[in-house]
Amino acid sequence: MHSVGANTDKEVFMNEEINDQQDLNIYKLLRMANGLTINEVSDKLGVTRAYVSSIENGKRTPSEELKSKYAEMFNVSVNLLETFEFPADKTAPNFVAKSLLRILSIIASKW
């Protein structure tokens, strides 16, 4: 049972905002698009929450093995993880929406 004012992981995720689009990368975008928390991703990948956070913040690059696990988890190619480019205008209010649409169009083109 949670105490008054305590947030669950899902509540924190639902309130998560992208304040600095410069730091947004494909790993964070895929996690958020799939409605997962950092804890859920770290559990599925078998790594620490801190490691996933450092990947999402651009402080670490995942190993080839971990890229493969990410790709499998999100049903995308490793190539997408390595080559995805965000829309040029990162200040646009619909930056995340444009990024998601770009991912979806890449995935749809493979079907």
C-alpha atoms as a PDB file:
ATOM      1  CA  MET A   1       0.000   0.000   0.000  1.00  0.00           C
ATOM      2  CA  HIS A   2       1.320   3.428  -0.925  1.00  0.00           C
ATOM      3  CA  SER A   3       1.372   6.278   1.535  1.00  0.00           C
ATOM      4  CA  VAL A   4      -0.490   9.451   0.718  1.00  0.00           C
ATOM      5  CA  GLY A   5       1.470  11.435  -1.831  1.00  0.00           C
ATOM      6  CA  ALA A   6       3.642   8.492  -2.896  1.00  0.00           C
ATOM      7  CA  ASN A   7       3.859   7.842  -6.622  1.00  0.00           C
ATOM      8  CA  THR A   8       4.003   4.457  -8.280  1.00  0.00           C
ATOM      9  CA  ASP A   9       6.385   3.926 -11.199  1.00  0.00           C
ATOM     10  CA  LYS A  10       3.453   4.189 -13.627  1.00  0.00           C
ATOM     11  CA  GLU A  11       2.259   7.453 -12.065  1.00  0.00           C
ATOM     12  CA  VAL A  12       5.756   8.890 -12.363  1.00  0.00           C
ATOM     13  CA  PHE A  13       5.919   7.726 -15.994  1.00  0.00           C
ATOM     14  CA  MET A  14       2.566   9.299 -16.826  1.00  0.00           C
ATOM     15  CA  ASN A  15       3.852  12.612 -15.437  1.00  0.00           C
ATOM     16  CA  GLU A  16       7.250  12.308 -17.108  1.00  0.00           C
ATOM     17  CA  GLU A  17       8.023  15.226 -19.332  1.00  0.00           C
ATOM     18  CA  ILE A  18      10.674  15.779 -21.904  1.00  0.00           C
ATOM     19  CA  ASN A  19      12.159  19.065 -20.813  1.00  0.00           C
ATOM     20  CA  ASP A  20      15.322  18.996 -22.866  1.00  0.00           C
ATOM     21  CA  GLN A  21      14.789  17.508 -26.311  1.00  0.00           C
ATOM     22  CA  GLN A  22      18.526  17.676 -26.899  1.00  0.00           C
ATOM     23  CA  ASP A  23      18.890  14.764 -24.479  1.00  0.00           C
ATOM     24  CA  LEU A  24      16.089  12.704 -26.007  1.00  0.00           C
ATOM     25  CA  ASN A  25      17.336   9.627 -27.826  1.00  0.00           C
ATOM     26  CA  ILE A  26      15.813   6.625 -29.555  1.00  0.00           C
ATOM     27  CA  TYR A  27      16.007   4.475 -26.429  1.00  0.00           C
ATOM     28  CA  LYS A  28      14.015   6.881 -24.269  1.00  0.00           C
ATOM     29  CA  LEU A  29      11.571   7.580 -27.073  1.00  0.00           C
ATOM     30  CA  LEU A  30      10.861   3.868 -27.629  1.00  0.00           C
ATOM     31  CA  ARG A  31      10.448   3.276 -23.904  1.00  0.00           C
ATOM     32  CA  MET A  32       8.017   6.149 -23.535  1.00  0.00           C
ATOM     33  CA  ALA A  33       6.127   5.244 -26.715  1.00  0.00           C
ATOM     34  CA  ASN A  34       5.601   1.760 -25.297  1.00  0.00           C
ATOM     35  CA  GLY A  35       4.414   3.056 -21.927  1.00  0.00           C
ATOM     36  CA  LEU A  36       7.257   1.488 -19.964  1.00  0.00           C
ATOM     37  CA  THR A  37       9.111   2.798 -16.947  1.00  0.00           C
ATOM     38  CA  ILE A  38      12.886   2.697 -16.637  1.00  0.00           C
ATOM     39  CA  ASN A  39      12.449  -0.005 -13.984  1.00  0.00           C
ATOM     40  CA  GLU A  40      10.417  -2.180 -16.361  1.00  0.00           C
ATOM     41  CA  VAL A  41      12.992  -1.810 -19.135  1.00  0.00           C
ATOM     42  CA  SER A  42      15.885  -2.584 -16.801  1.00  0.00           C
ATOM     43  CA  ASP A  43      14.093  -5.699 -15.523  1.00  0.00           C
ATOM     44  CA  LYS A  44      13.390  -6.933 -19.061  1.00  0.00           C
ATOM     45  CA  LEU A  45      16.969  -6.288 -20.180  1.00  0.00           C
ATOM     46  CA  GLY A  46      18.567  -7.675 -17.033  1.00  0.00           C
ATOM     47  CA  VAL A  47      20.533  -4.512 -16.276  1.00  0.00           C
ATOM     48  CA  THR A  48      20.336  -1.874 -13.568  1.00  0.00           C
ATOM     49  CA  ARG A  49      17.980   1.074 -13.623  1.00  0.00           C
ATOM     50  CA  ALA A  50      21.022   3.366 -13.479  1.00  0.00           C
ATOM     51  CA  TYR A  51      22.472   1.750 -16.609  1.00  0.00           C
ATOM     52  CA  VAL A  52      19.239   2.269 -18.585  1.00  0.00           C
ATOM     53  CA  SER A  53      19.044   5.843 -17.336  1.00  0.00           C
ATOM     54  CA  SER A  54      22.631   6.524 -18.436  1.00  0.00           C
ATOM     55  CA  ILE A  55      21.838   5.153 -21.916  1.00  0.00           C
ATOM     56  CA  GLU A  56      18.728   7.329 -22.159  1.00  0.00           C
ATOM     57  CA  ASN A  57      20.707  10.369 -21.036  1.00  0.00           C
ATOM     58  CA  GLY A  58      23.426   9.734 -23.601  1.00  0.00           C
ATOM     59  CA  LYS A  59      26.113   9.119 -20.994  1.00  0.00           C
ATOM     60  CA  ARG A  60      26.667   5.501 -22.064  1.00  0.00           C
ATOM     61  CA  THR A  61      26.313   3.580 -25.277  1.00  0.00           C
ATOM     62  CA  PRO A  62      24.771   0.117 -25.030  1.00  0.00           C
ATOM     63  CA  SER A  63      26.880  -2.882 -26.016  1.00  0.00           C
ATOM     64  CA  GLU A  64      26.044  -4.723 -29.225  1.00  0.00           C
ATOM     65  CA  GLU A  65      24.407  -7.446 -27.120  1.00  0.00           C
ATOM     66  CA  LEU A  66      22.250  -4.906 -25.287  1.00  0.00           C
ATOM     67  CA  LYS A  67      21.314  -3.184 -28.562  1.00  0.00           C
ATOM     68  CA  SER A  68      20.066  -6.561 -29.781  1.00  0.00           C
ATOM     69  CA  LYS A  69      17.999  -6.979 -26.613  1.00  0.00           C
ATOM     70  CA  TYR A  70      16.532  -3.474 -27.024  1.00  0.00           C
ATOM     71  CA  ALA A  71      15.727  -4.180 -30.664  1.00  0.00           C
ATOM     72  CA  GLU A  72      13.992  -7.434 -29.779  1.00  0.00           C
ATOM     73  CA  MET A  73      12.066  -5.884 -26.893  1.00  0.00           C
ATOM     74  CA  PHE A  74      10.749  -3.018 -29.025  1.00  0.00           C
ATOM     75  CA  ASN A  75      10.453  -5.068 -32.230  1.00  0.00           C
ATOM     76  CA  VAL A  76      12.766  -2.806 -34.226  1.00  0.00           C
ATOM     77  CA  SER A  77      16.073  -3.419 -35.959  1.00  0.00           C
ATOM     78  CA  VAL A  78      19.471  -2.728 -34.444  1.00  0.00           C
ATOM     79  CA  ASN A  79      20.058  -0.627 -37.553  1.00  0.00           C
ATOM     80  CA  LEU A  80      17.169   1.650 -36.541  1.00  0.00           C
ATOM     81  CA  LEU A  81      18.702   2.090 -33.088  1.00  0.00           C
ATOM     82  CA  GLU A  82      22.056   3.005 -34.621  1.00  0.00           C
ATOM     83  CA  THR A  83      20.909   5.244 -37.471  1.00  0.00           C
ATOM     84  CA  PHE A  84      17.691   6.944 -36.359  1.00  0.00           C
ATOM     85  CA  GLU A  85      17.817  10.717 -36.739  1.00  0.00           C
ATOM     86  CA  PHE A  86      15.380  13.049 -35.035  1.00  0.00           C
ATOM     87  CA  PRO A  87      13.607  15.826 -36.930  1.00  0.00           C
ATOM     88  CA  ALA A  88      15.878  18.829 -37.407  1.00  0.00           C
ATOM     89  CA  ASP A  89      13.727  21.294 -35.438  1.00  0.00           C
ATOM     90  CA  LYS A  90      14.031  20.073 -31.856  1.00  0.00           C
ATOM     91  CA  THR A  91      12.327  23.199 -30.534  1.00  0.00           C
ATOM     92  CA  ALA A  92       9.020  22.486 -32.266  1.00  0.00           C
ATOM     93  CA  PRO A  93       6.172  21.739 -29.857  1.00  0.00           C
ATOM     94  CA  ASN A  94       5.373  18.574 -31.783  1.00  0.00           C
ATOM     95  CA  PHE A  95       8.961  17.300 -31.773  1.00  0.00           C
ATOM     96  CA  VAL A  96       8.115  14.033 -29.998  1.00  0.00           C
ATOM     97  CA  ALA A  97       5.095  13.426 -32.248  1.00  0.00           C
ATOM     98  CA  LYS A  98       7.235  13.940 -35.359  1.00  0.00           C
ATOM     99  CA  SER A  99       9.869  11.590 -33.949  1.00  0.00           C
ATOM    100  CA  LEU A 100       7.266   8.899 -33.265  1.00  0.00           C
ATOM    101  CA  LEU A 101       5.802   9.290 -36.737  1.00  0.00           C
ATOM    102  CA  ARG A 102       9.254   8.886 -38.249  1.00  0.00           C
ATOM    103  CA  ILE A 103       9.783   5.646 -36.285  1.00  0.00           C
ATOM    104  CA  LEU A 104       6.363   4.345 -37.278  1.00  0.00           C
ATOM    105  CA  SER A 105       6.941   5.104 -40.952  1.00  0.00           C
ATOM    106  CA  ILE A 106      10.277   3.237 -40.861  1.00  0.00           C
ATOM    107  CA  ILE A 107       8.657   0.238 -39.185  1.00  0.00           C
ATOM    108  CA  ALA A 108       5.642   0.306 -41.537  1.00  0.00           C
ATOM    109  CA  SER A 109       7.880   0.417 -44.609  1.00  0.00           C
ATOM    110  CA  LYS A 110       9.315  -2.975 -43.587  1.00  0.00           C
ATOM    111  CA  TRP A 111       5.930  -4.720 -43.620  1.00  0.00           C
END
